[in-house]
Amino acid sequence: MPARPIRLVLIVALGVAGLVGFLALANACTPGGPPPTATTVSTASTTTVVGSGCSDDFPDLSTSPGAGSGYAKPSVSVSCSDTELLVTSNGMPGYTFVPRTPNPLGAQTWSWHIPLAPSVAAAATPVATRFGTIGFTVTGLPVYAAMEGAQPAAEAFGDPVYNGILDSCKGHTGPRSEYHYHALENTGSCLLVQPLLGYALDGFPIYGPNGCLDVACTQVVTFRSGWVPTGNPTTNAWSNYAYQSSSDPKVLDQCNGRVGPDGTYRYYATSGFPYTIGCFKGTPVTQAGAAGGPMPPM
């Protein structure tokens, strides 16, 4: 298919908060949503969006404080074709970096591409053994699944939230100096504001925990995970939680998502395990480079 006409757009809004944000969920932008219209020029590090069909949910990071003195400022670029959303990032957080592991923080070369029109697969794809990225945020930071690697041995493959090894935004640095999340905090201090927080590698969006139960959004609820603890997740996290289905519409499916009022599927960031994605509801796109590589050994 021919490429869409290209234009440069700088997004200037961080997102929608409070009830206004909840109401926006019914019509929240997805990768194939309406084109952004604002055009601004800035000499600071920014999020740039290229392509007439790109989502306008990627925040401008030019006013963010950055990770701190001596660190590169965050830089995110977003482009769209007729079929795909492409996001590249230097992987730097836009807020003060607080070390939670022995690993330093360094700039990365992340590049993700996902479908603009994802579809539900015939069968879900597990993430329980997927070490590396399962998605990314609208601020250009990778999301890993809800378990750690083999080290330290006392917490091998454990739940990093339960083990308290994440910062206040639920991230930390890995062996390649890559900052990444294992959960998402829907808060302005982490530059992630409802409704849209990121995307999974199958193309489906990851929303904040609050959402509408009907098209008119007369019922706004906080969604919650259906996974429950069955043991001690200090080690082997996925072996110590089990999914329990429920008729309660506030309880999400096994992949930690649901079909929204507009008929499209989406994941939700929850306070309980698995925090972001329990499995891929669609077909995850194979990525290249660091985005497609496994989490390196500690």
C-alpha atoms as a PDB file:
ATOM      1  CA  MET A   1       0.000   0.000   0.000  1.00  0.00           C
ATOM      2  CA  PRO A   2       1.288   3.520  -0.711  1.00  0.00           C
ATOM      3  CA  ALA A   3       2.656   5.442   2.229  1.00  0.00           C
ATOM      4  CA  ARG A   4       0.558   8.198   3.701  1.00  0.00           C
ATOM      5  CA  PRO A   5       1.634  11.825   3.197  1.00  0.00           C
ATOM      6  CA  ILE A   6       4.192  12.677   5.839  1.00  0.00           C
ATOM      7  CA  ARG A   7       4.082  15.673   8.138  1.00  0.00           C
ATOM      8  CA  LEU A   8       5.860  16.550  11.390  1.00  0.00           C
ATOM      9  CA  VAL A   9       3.718  17.010  14.448  1.00  0.00           C
ATOM     10  CA  LEU A  10       4.810  17.767  18.003  1.00  0.00           C
ATOM     11  CA  ILE A  11       2.341  16.648  20.620  1.00  0.00           C
ATOM     12  CA  VAL A  12       1.977  19.179  23.403  1.00  0.00           C
ATOM     13  CA  ALA A  13      -0.430  17.543  25.854  1.00  0.00           C
ATOM     14  CA  LEU A  14       0.676  15.038  28.471  1.00  0.00           C
ATOM     15  CA  GLY A  15      -2.711  13.355  28.647  1.00  0.00           C
ATOM     16  CA  VAL A  16      -6.086  13.558  30.325  1.00  0.00           C
ATOM     17  CA  ALA A  17      -6.511  13.179  34.063  1.00  0.00           C
ATOM     18  CA  GLY A  18      -9.409  12.594  36.401  1.00  0.00           C
ATOM     19  CA  LEU A  19     -12.949  12.116  35.226  1.00  0.00           C
ATOM     20  CA  VAL A  20     -12.260  13.908  31.959  1.00  0.00           C
ATOM     21  CA  GLY A  21      -9.719  11.183  31.226  1.00  0.00           C
ATOM     22  CA  PHE A  22     -12.195   8.480  32.141  1.00  0.00           C
ATOM     23  CA  LEU A  23     -14.811   9.926  29.811  1.00  0.00           C
ATOM     24  CA  ALA A  24     -12.246  10.038  27.029  1.00  0.00           C
ATOM     25  CA  LEU A  25     -11.795   6.272  27.224  1.00  0.00           C
ATOM     26  CA  ALA A  26     -14.858   5.626  25.117  1.00  0.00           C
ATOM     27  CA  ASN A  27     -13.202   7.486  22.230  1.00  0.00           C
ATOM     28  CA  ALA A  28      -9.539   7.265  23.209  1.00  0.00           C
ATOM     29  CA  CYS A  29      -7.073   7.371  20.335  1.00  0.00           C
ATOM     30  CA  THR A  30      -5.595   4.101  19.145  1.00  0.00           C
ATOM     31  CA  PRO A  31      -2.799   3.706  16.580  1.00  0.00           C
ATOM     32  CA  GLY A  32      -5.369   4.076  13.828  1.00  0.00           C
ATOM     33  CA  GLY A  33      -7.139   7.029  15.424  1.00  0.00           C
ATOM     34  CA  PRO A  34      -7.642  10.503  13.975  1.00  0.00           C
ATOM     35  CA  PRO A  35      -4.513  12.470  13.040  1.00  0.00           C
ATOM     36  CA  PRO A  36      -3.068  15.057  15.431  1.00  0.00           C
ATOM     37  CA  THR A  37      -3.483  18.679  14.431  1.00  0.00           C
ATOM     38  CA  ALA A  38      -1.068  20.706  16.602  1.00  0.00           C
ATOM     39  CA  THR A  39       2.227  21.864  15.116  1.00  0.00           C
ATOM     40  CA  THR A  40       4.932  23.299  17.361  1.00  0.00           C
ATOM     41  CA  VAL A  41       8.694  23.775  17.173  1.00  0.00           C
ATOM     42  CA  SER A  42      10.949  23.192  20.188  1.00  0.00           C
ATOM     43  CA  THR A  43      14.712  23.098  20.683  1.00  0.00           C
ATOM     44  CA  ALA A  44      14.401  20.736  23.682  1.00  0.00           C
ATOM     45  CA  SER A  45      14.180  16.957  23.657  1.00  0.00           C
ATOM     46  CA  THR A  46      10.712  16.062  22.464  1.00  0.00           C
ATOM     47  CA  THR A  47       8.369  13.375  21.324  1.00  0.00           C
ATOM     48  CA  THR A  48       7.808  13.748  17.602  1.00  0.00           C
ATOM     49  CA  VAL A  49       5.052  12.125  15.597  1.00  0.00           C
ATOM     50  CA  VAL A  50       5.322  11.657  11.833  1.00  0.00           C
ATOM     51  CA  GLY A  51       2.441  10.530   9.639  1.00  0.00           C
ATOM     52  CA  SER A  52      -1.141  11.659   9.227  1.00  0.00           C
ATOM     53  CA  GLY A  53      -2.660   8.611  10.932  1.00  0.00           C
ATOM     54  CA  CYS A  54      -0.552   8.476  14.087  1.00  0.00           C
ATOM     55  CA  SER A  55      -2.025   8.475  17.561  1.00  0.00           C
ATOM     56  CA  ASP A  56      -1.965  11.757  19.462  1.00  0.00           C
ATOM     57  CA  ASP A  57      -1.483  10.024  22.809  1.00  0.00           C
ATOM     58  CA  PHE A  58       2.310  10.293  22.895  1.00  0.00           C
ATOM     59  CA  PRO A  59       3.268  13.062  25.345  1.00  0.00           C
ATOM     60  CA  ASP A  60       5.711  15.848  24.702  1.00  0.00           C
ATOM     61  CA  LEU A  61       8.679  15.200  26.968  1.00  0.00           C
ATOM     62  CA  SER A  62      10.409  18.547  26.411  1.00  0.00           C
ATOM     63  CA  THR A  63       9.256  19.877  29.790  1.00  0.00           C
ATOM     64  CA  SER A  64      10.180  16.737  31.714  1.00  0.00           C
ATOM     65  CA  PRO A  65      13.076  17.043  34.176  1.00  0.00           C
ATOM     66  CA  GLY A  66      14.879  14.030  32.767  1.00  0.00           C
ATOM     67  CA  ALA A  67      16.767  11.350  34.672  1.00  0.00           C
ATOM     68  CA  GLY A  68      19.163  13.809  36.283  1.00  0.00           C
ATOM     69  CA  SER A  69      22.467  15.602  35.770  1.00  0.00           C
ATOM     70  CA  GLY A  70      24.814  13.780  33.433  1.00  0.00           C
ATOM     71  CA  TYR A  71      22.095  11.698  31.778  1.00  0.00           C
ATOM     72  CA  ALA A  72      20.755  12.063  28.258  1.00  0.00           C
ATOM     73  CA  LYS A  73      17.320  13.619  27.932  1.00  0.00           C
ATOM     74  CA  PRO A  74      14.491  11.359  26.769  1.00  0.00           C
ATOM     75  CA  SER A  75      13.957  11.227  23.016  1.00  0.00           C
ATOM     76  CA  VAL A  76      11.035   9.430  21.368  1.00  0.00           C
ATOM     77  CA  SER A  77      10.034   9.369  17.700  1.00  0.00           C
ATOM     78  CA  VAL A  78       6.754   7.983  16.380  1.00  0.00           C
ATOM     79  CA  SER A  79       5.865   7.314  12.751  1.00  0.00           C
ATOM     80  CA  CYS A  80       3.002   5.618  10.949  1.00  0.00           C
ATOM     81  CA  SER A  81       2.439   3.869   7.672  1.00  0.00           C
ATOM     82  CA  ASP A  82      -0.919   2.611   6.451  1.00  0.00           C
ATOM     83  CA  THR A  83      -0.490  -0.559   8.489  1.00  0.00           C
ATOM     84  CA  GLU A  84       2.043  -0.038  11.273  1.00  0.00           C
ATOM     85  CA  LEU A  85       3.026   2.185  14.165  1.00  0.00           C
ATOM     86  CA  LEU A  86       6.806   2.538  14.612  1.00  0.00           C
ATOM     87  CA  VAL A  87       8.285   3.894  17.841  1.00  0.00           C
ATOM     88  CA  THR A  88      11.982   4.533  18.439  1.00  0.00           C
ATOM     89  CA  SER A  89      13.425   5.699  21.725  1.00  0.00           C
ATOM     90  CA  ASN A  90      16.674   6.234  23.587  1.00  0.00           C
ATOM     91  CA  GLY A  91      15.078   4.572  26.606  1.00  0.00           C
ATOM     92  CA  MET A  92      15.721   7.396  29.043  1.00  0.00           C
ATOM     93  CA  PRO A  93      13.108   8.190  31.709  1.00  0.00           C
ATOM     94  CA  GLY A  94      11.795  11.735  31.916  1.00  0.00           C
ATOM     95  CA  TYR A  95      11.885  11.762  35.713  1.00  0.00           C
ATOM     96  CA  THR A  96      14.657  11.458  38.291  1.00  0.00           C
ATOM     97  CA  PHE A  97      16.415   8.111  38.140  1.00  0.00           C
ATOM     98  CA  VAL A  98      16.606   6.314  41.491  1.00  0.00           C
ATOM     99  CA  PRO A  99      18.841   3.207  41.372  1.00  0.00           C
ATOM    100  CA  ARG A 100      17.174   0.002  42.561  1.00  0.00           C
ATOM    101  CA  THR A 101      19.675  -2.487  41.151  1.00  0.00           C
ATOM    102  CA  PRO A 102      23.488  -2.479  40.843  1.00  0.00           C
ATOM    103  CA  ASN A 103      23.108  -1.751  37.126  1.00  0.00           C
ATOM    104  CA  PRO A 104      23.769   1.791  35.854  1.00  0.00           C
ATOM    105  CA  LEU A 105      21.410   3.741  33.601  1.00  0.00           C
ATOM    106  CA  GLY A 106      22.382   4.275  29.984  1.00  0.00           C
ATOM    107  CA  ALA A 107      20.821   5.369  26.712  1.00  0.00           C
ATOM    108  CA  GLN A 108      19.461   2.620  24.458  1.00  0.00           C
ATOM    109  CA  THR A 109      18.403   2.155  20.828  1.00  0.00           C
ATOM    110  CA  TRP A 110      14.871   0.801  21.141  1.00  0.00           C
ATOM    111  CA  SER A 111      12.730   0.342  18.041  1.00  0.00           C
ATOM    112  CA  TRP A 112       9.259  -1.225  18.095  1.00  0.00           C
ATOM    113  CA  HIS A 113       6.731  -1.745  15.327  1.00  0.00           C
ATOM    114  CA  ILE A 114       3.162  -2.937  15.858  1.00  0.00           C
ATOM    115  CA  PRO A 115       0.017  -3.215  13.726  1.00  0.00           C
ATOM    116  CA  LEU A 116      -2.372  -0.279  13.566  1.00  0.00           C
ATOM    117  CA  ALA A 117      -5.307  -2.683  13.363  1.00  0.00           C
ATOM    118  CA  PRO A 118      -4.554  -5.623  15.704  1.00  0.00           C
ATOM    119  CA  SER A 119      -6.888  -8.583  15.866  1.00  0.00           C
ATOM    120  CA  VAL A 120      -7.606 -11.183  18.526  1.00  0.00           C
ATOM    121  CA  ALA A 121      -5.754 -14.430  17.822  1.00  0.00           C
ATOM    122  CA  ALA A 122      -7.321 -17.886  17.835  1.00  0.00           C
ATOM    123  CA  ALA A 123      -5.282 -18.674  20.938  1.00  0.00           C
ATOM    124  CA  ALA A 124      -3.466 -16.483  23.462  1.00  0.00           C
ATOM    125  CA  THR A 125       0.354 -16.434  23.601  1.00  0.00           C
ATOM    126  CA  PRO A 126       1.887 -16.856  27.084  1.00  0.00           C
ATOM    127  CA  VAL A 127       4.322 -14.308  28.493  1.00  0.00           C
ATOM    128  CA  ALA A 128       5.327 -16.385  31.528  1.00  0.00           C
ATOM    129  CA  THR A 129       8.580 -17.461  29.864  1.00  0.00           C
ATOM    130  CA  ARG A 130       9.110 -14.366  27.737  1.00  0.00           C
ATOM    131  CA  PHE A 131      12.163 -12.503  29.008  1.00  0.00           C
ATOM    132  CA  GLY A 132      12.500  -9.116  27.352  1.00  0.00           C
ATOM    133  CA  THR A 133      10.009  -6.600  26.054  1.00  0.00           C
ATOM    134  CA  ILE A 134       6.317  -7.415  25.917  1.00  0.00           C
ATOM    135  CA  GLY A 135       5.338  -3.822  25.182  1.00  0.00           C
ATOM    136  CA  PHE A 136       6.315  -0.186  25.542  1.00  0.00           C
ATOM    137  CA  THR A 137       4.911   2.978  27.061  1.00  0.00           C
ATOM    138  CA  VAL A 138       3.868   6.165  25.272  1.00  0.00           C
ATOM    139  CA  THR A 139       6.997   7.668  26.855  1.00  0.00           C
ATOM    140  CA  GLY A 140       9.198   5.229  24.937  1.00  0.00           C
ATOM    141  CA  LEU A 141      10.187   2.881  27.767  1.00  0.00           C
ATOM    142  CA  PRO A 142      10.057  -0.923  27.534  1.00  0.00           C
ATOM    143  CA  VAL A 143       7.653  -3.055  29.546  1.00  0.00           C
ATOM    144  CA  TYR A 144       8.809  -6.479  30.742  1.00  0.00           C
ATOM    145  CA  ALA A 145       6.609  -9.267  32.096  1.00  0.00           C
ATOM    146  CA  ALA A 146       5.917  -9.765  35.791  1.00  0.00           C
ATOM    147  CA  MET A 147       9.005 -11.795  36.652  1.00  0.00           C
ATOM    148  CA  GLU A 148      12.739 -11.354  37.036  1.00  0.00           C
ATOM    149  CA  GLY A 149      15.606 -13.465  35.741  1.00  0.00           C
ATOM    150  CA  ALA A 150      17.568 -16.238  37.415  1.00  0.00           C
ATOM    151  CA  GLN A 151      19.608 -13.901  39.619  1.00  0.00           C
ATOM    152  CA  PRO A 152      19.742 -13.285  42.467  1.00  0.00           C
ATOM    153  CA  ALA A 153      19.142 -16.970  43.158  1.00  0.00           C
ATOM    154  CA  ALA A 154      17.129 -16.240  46.300  1.00  0.00           C
ATOM    155  CA  GLU A 155      14.580 -14.420  44.115  1.00  0.00           C
ATOM    156  CA  ALA A 156      14.978 -16.397  40.889  1.00  0.00           C
ATOM    157  CA  PHE A 157      12.136 -15.646  38.444  1.00  0.00           C
ATOM    158  CA  GLY A 158      10.278 -13.934  41.262  1.00  0.00           C
ATOM    159  CA  ASP A 159       7.711 -11.161  41.225  1.00  0.00           C
ATOM    160  CA  PRO A 160       9.691  -7.873  41.218  1.00  0.00           C
ATOM    161  CA  VAL A 161       6.775  -5.896  42.639  1.00  0.00           C
ATOM    162  CA  TYR A 162       6.327  -8.350  45.510  1.00  0.00           C
ATOM    163  CA  ASN A 163      10.091  -8.399  46.111  1.00  0.00           C
ATOM    164  CA  GLY A 164      10.261  -4.602  46.325  1.00  0.00           C
ATOM    165  CA  ILE A 165      13.049  -4.098  43.810  1.00  0.00           C
ATOM    166  CA  LEU A 166      11.348  -1.413  41.680  1.00  0.00           C
ATOM    167  CA  ASP A 167      11.289   2.364  42.002  1.00  0.00           C
ATOM    168  CA  SER A 168       8.134   4.381  42.674  1.00  0.00           C
ATOM    169  CA  CYS A 169       7.232   4.236  38.970  1.00  0.00           C
ATOM    170  CA  LYS A 170       7.648   0.432  38.987  1.00  0.00           C
ATOM    171  CA  GLY A 171      10.837   0.383  36.949  1.00  0.00           C
ATOM    172  CA  HIS A 172      14.522  -0.396  37.359  1.00  0.00           C
ATOM    173  CA  THR A 173      17.651  -0.969  35.288  1.00  0.00           C
ATOM    174  CA  GLY A 174      18.742  -4.275  33.790  1.00  0.00           C
ATOM    175  CA  PRO A 175      22.178  -5.721  32.933  1.00  0.00           C
ATOM    176  CA  ARG A 176      22.414  -3.717  29.693  1.00  0.00           C
ATOM    177  CA  SER A 177      21.805  -0.500  31.643  1.00  0.00           C
ATOM    178  CA  GLU A 178      18.288  -0.490  30.181  1.00  0.00           C
ATOM    179  CA  TYR A 179      15.566   1.104  32.258  1.00  0.00           C
ATOM    180  CA  HIS A 180      12.344  -0.899  32.020  1.00  0.00           C
ATOM    181  CA  TYR A 181       9.020  -1.426  33.755  1.00  0.00           C
ATOM    182  CA  HIS A 182       7.463  -4.540  35.259  1.00  0.00           C
ATOM    183  CA  ALA A 183       4.285  -2.659  36.204  1.00  0.00           C
ATOM    184  CA  LEU A 184       2.873   0.779  35.389  1.00  0.00           C
ATOM    185  CA  GLU A 185       1.893   3.634  37.668  1.00  0.00           C
ATOM    186  CA  ASN A 186      -0.894   5.823  36.306  1.00  0.00           C
ATOM    187  CA  THR A 187       0.467   9.081  37.689  1.00  0.00           C
ATOM    188  CA  GLY A 188       1.799  12.370  36.403  1.00  0.00           C
ATOM    189  CA  SER A 189       5.058  12.007  38.335  1.00  0.00           C
ATOM    190  CA  CYS A 190       5.821   8.977  36.146  1.00  0.00           C
ATOM    191  CA  LEU A 191       4.595  10.852  33.042  1.00  0.00           C
ATOM    192  CA  LEU A 192       1.936   8.201  32.470  1.00  0.00           C
ATOM    193  CA  VAL A 193      -1.555   9.651  32.612  1.00  0.00           C
ATOM    194  CA  GLN A 194      -4.893   7.987  31.907  1.00  0.00           C
ATOM    195  CA  PRO A 195      -6.242   6.870  29.527  1.00  0.00           C
ATOM    196  CA  LEU A 196      -3.508   5.395  27.300  1.00  0.00           C
ATOM    197  CA  LEU A 197      -0.253   4.268  28.916  1.00  0.00           C
ATOM    198  CA  GLY A 198       1.318   2.146  26.194  1.00  0.00           C
ATOM    199  CA  TYR A 199       1.016  -0.717  23.741  1.00  0.00           C
ATOM    200  CA  ALA A 200       1.670  -4.449  23.801  1.00  0.00           C
ATOM    201  CA  LEU A 201       3.698  -6.021  20.997  1.00  0.00           C
ATOM    202  CA  ASP A 202       0.518  -7.455  19.503  1.00  0.00           C
ATOM    203  CA  GLY A 203      -0.694  -3.895  18.881  1.00  0.00           C
ATOM    204  CA  PHE A 204      -3.403  -3.732  21.524  1.00  0.00           C
ATOM    205  CA  PRO A 205      -3.283  -0.690  23.828  1.00  0.00           C
ATOM    206  CA  ILE A 206      -2.532  -0.721  27.548  1.00  0.00           C
ATOM    207  CA  TYR A 207      -4.814   1.616  29.477  1.00  0.00           C
ATOM    208  CA  GLY A 208      -4.686   2.875  33.021  1.00  0.00           C
ATOM    209  CA  PRO A 209      -6.775   0.982  35.580  1.00  0.00           C
ATOM    210  CA  ASN A 210      -9.962   3.037  35.236  1.00  0.00           C
ATOM    211  CA  GLY A 211     -12.455   2.697  32.438  1.00  0.00           C
ATOM    212  CA  CYS A 212     -16.033   2.786  31.228  1.00  0.00           C
ATOM    213  CA  LEU A 213     -18.479  -0.086  31.287  1.00  0.00           C
ATOM    214  CA  ASP A 214     -20.800   1.439  28.698  1.00  0.00           C
ATOM    215  CA  VAL A 215     -20.499   3.577  25.576  1.00  0.00           C
ATOM    216  CA  ALA A 216     -21.954   6.647  27.301  1.00  0.00           C
ATOM    217  CA  CYS A 217     -19.456   6.128  30.125  1.00  0.00           C
ATOM    218  CA  THR A 218     -22.134   6.417  32.801  1.00  0.00           C
ATOM    219  CA  GLN A 219     -20.265   3.767  34.800  1.00  0.00           C
ATOM    220  CA  VAL A 220     -16.581   4.408  35.509  1.00  0.00           C
ATOM    221  CA  VAL A 221     -14.850   1.614  37.404  1.00  0.00           C
ATOM    222  CA  THR A 222     -11.404   0.505  38.453  1.00  0.00           C
ATOM    223  CA  PHE A 223     -10.600  -2.774  36.751  1.00  0.00           C
ATOM    224  CA  ARG A 224      -8.701  -5.437  38.618  1.00  0.00           C
ATOM    225  CA  SER A 225      -6.756  -8.565  37.825  1.00  0.00           C
ATOM    226  CA  GLY A 226      -8.325 -12.000  38.128  1.00  0.00           C
ATOM    227  CA  TRP A 227      -5.006 -13.548  39.137  1.00  0.00           C
ATOM    228  CA  VAL A 228      -4.739 -14.589  42.790  1.00  0.00           C
ATOM    229  CA  PRO A 229      -1.739 -15.742  44.839  1.00  0.00           C
ATOM    230  CA  THR A 230      -1.446 -19.467  45.494  1.00  0.00           C
ATOM    231  CA  GLY A 231       2.014 -19.482  47.072  1.00  0.00           C
ATOM    232  CA  ASN A 232       5.049 -17.337  47.769  1.00  0.00           C
ATOM    233  CA  PRO A 233       6.038 -15.390  44.602  1.00  0.00           C
ATOM    234  CA  THR A 234       9.479 -14.468  45.940  1.00  0.00           C
ATOM    235  CA  THR A 235      10.660 -17.025  43.385  1.00  0.00           C
ATOM    236  CA  ASN A 236       8.946 -18.477  40.312  1.00  0.00           C
ATOM    237  CA  ALA A 237       6.233 -15.844  40.183  1.00  0.00           C
ATOM    238  CA  TRP A 238       4.004 -17.457  37.568  1.00  0.00           C
ATOM    239  CA  SER A 239       3.919 -20.724  39.511  1.00  0.00           C
ATOM    240  CA  ASN A 240       2.605 -18.897  42.563  1.00  0.00           C
ATOM    241  CA  TYR A 241      -0.388 -17.163  40.998  1.00  0.00           C
ATOM    242  CA  ALA A 242      -3.428 -18.651  39.284  1.00  0.00           C
ATOM    243  CA  TYR A 243      -6.170 -17.046  37.239  1.00  0.00           C
ATOM    244  CA  GLN A 244      -9.737 -17.225  38.551  1.00  0.00           C
ATOM    245  CA  SER A 245     -12.481 -16.194  36.170  1.00  0.00           C
ATOM    246  CA  SER A 246     -15.330 -14.063  37.457  1.00  0.00           C
ATOM    247  CA  SER A 247     -18.719 -12.790  36.312  1.00  0.00           C
ATOM    248  CA  ASP A 248     -17.854  -9.403  37.804  1.00  0.00           C
ATOM    249  CA  PRO A 249     -17.354  -7.006  34.848  1.00  0.00           C
ATOM    250  CA  LYS A 250     -14.583  -5.242  36.782  1.00  0.00           C
ATOM    251  CA  VAL A 251     -12.439  -8.400  36.760  1.00  0.00           C
ATOM    252  CA  LEU A 252     -10.258  -8.702  33.678  1.00  0.00           C
ATOM    253  CA  ASP A 253      -9.597 -11.800  31.602  1.00  0.00           C
ATOM    254  CA  GLN A 254      -6.530 -14.033  31.853  1.00  0.00           C
ATOM    255  CA  CYS A 255      -4.524 -11.683  29.622  1.00  0.00           C
ATOM    256  CA  ASN A 256      -5.409  -8.784  31.964  1.00  0.00           C
ATOM    257  CA  GLY A 257      -7.691  -7.118  29.458  1.00  0.00           C
ATOM    258  CA  ARG A 258     -11.233  -6.932  28.138  1.00  0.00           C
ATOM    259  CA  VAL A 259     -13.294  -5.770  25.190  1.00  0.00           C
ATOM    260  CA  GLY A 260     -14.156  -2.108  25.677  1.00  0.00           C
ATOM    261  CA  PRO A 261     -17.467  -0.358  25.044  1.00  0.00           C
ATOM    262  CA  ASP A 262     -16.377   0.418  21.473  1.00  0.00           C
ATOM    263  CA  GLY A 263     -15.920  -3.287  20.717  1.00  0.00           C
ATOM    264  CA  THR A 264     -12.120  -3.267  20.643  1.00  0.00           C
ATOM    265  CA  TYR A 265      -9.807  -5.207  22.935  1.00  0.00           C
ATOM    266  CA  ARG A 266      -7.435  -3.500  25.364  1.00  0.00           C
ATOM    267  CA  TYR A 267      -5.214  -4.361  28.336  1.00  0.00           C
ATOM    268  CA  TYR A 268      -5.286  -2.551  31.666  1.00  0.00           C
ATOM    269  CA  ALA A 269      -2.494  -1.738  34.107  1.00  0.00           C
ATOM    270  CA  THR A 270      -3.584  -3.118  37.464  1.00  0.00           C
ATOM    271  CA  SER A 271      -2.316  -2.979  41.029  1.00  0.00           C
ATOM    272  CA  GLY A 272      -2.291  -6.781  41.207  1.00  0.00           C
ATOM    273  CA  PHE A 273      -0.271  -9.407  39.346  1.00  0.00           C
ATOM    274  CA  PRO A 274       0.441  -9.575  36.386  1.00  0.00           C
ATOM    275  CA  TYR A 275       0.288  -5.751  36.506  1.00  0.00           C
ATOM    276  CA  THR A 276       0.224  -5.220  32.712  1.00  0.00           C
ATOM    277  CA  ILE A 277      -0.154  -8.255  30.428  1.00  0.00           C
ATOM    278  CA  GLY A 278      -1.022 -11.786  31.503  1.00  0.00           C
ATOM    279  CA  CYS A 279      -0.751 -13.157  27.962  1.00  0.00           C
ATOM    280  CA  PHE A 280      -0.931 -11.768  24.441  1.00  0.00           C
ATOM    281  CA  LYS A 281      -4.533 -11.674  23.234  1.00  0.00           C
ATOM    282  CA  GLY A 282      -3.330 -10.977  19.720  1.00  0.00           C
ATOM    283  CA  THR A 283      -0.278 -12.164  17.817  1.00  0.00           C
ATOM    284  CA  PRO A 284       2.921 -10.488  19.084  1.00  0.00           C
ATOM    285  CA  VAL A 285       5.060  -9.005  16.345  1.00  0.00           C
ATOM    286  CA  THR A 286       8.641 -10.255  16.218  1.00  0.00           C
ATOM    287  CA  GLN A 287      10.938  -7.307  16.848  1.00  0.00           C
ATOM    288  CA  ALA A 288      14.503  -6.694  15.731  1.00  0.00           C
ATOM    289  CA  GLY A 289      17.528  -5.551  17.719  1.00  0.00           C
ATOM    290  CA  ALA A 290      17.315  -5.000  21.462  1.00  0.00           C
ATOM    291  CA  ALA A 291      13.498  -4.953  21.332  1.00  0.00           C
ATOM    292  CA  GLY A 292      13.520  -8.518  20.048  1.00  0.00           C
ATOM    293  CA  GLY A 293      16.249  -9.870  22.273  1.00  0.00           C
ATOM    294  CA  PRO A 294      15.855 -11.793  25.527  1.00  0.00           C
ATOM    295  CA  MET A 295      16.487 -10.206  28.899  1.00  0.00           C
ATOM    296  CA  PRO A 296      20.263 -10.665  29.398  1.00  0.00           C
ATOM    297  CA  PRO A 297      21.530 -12.723  32.335  1.00  0.00           C
ATOM    298  CA  MET A 298      22.264 -10.827  35.543  1.00  0.00           C
END
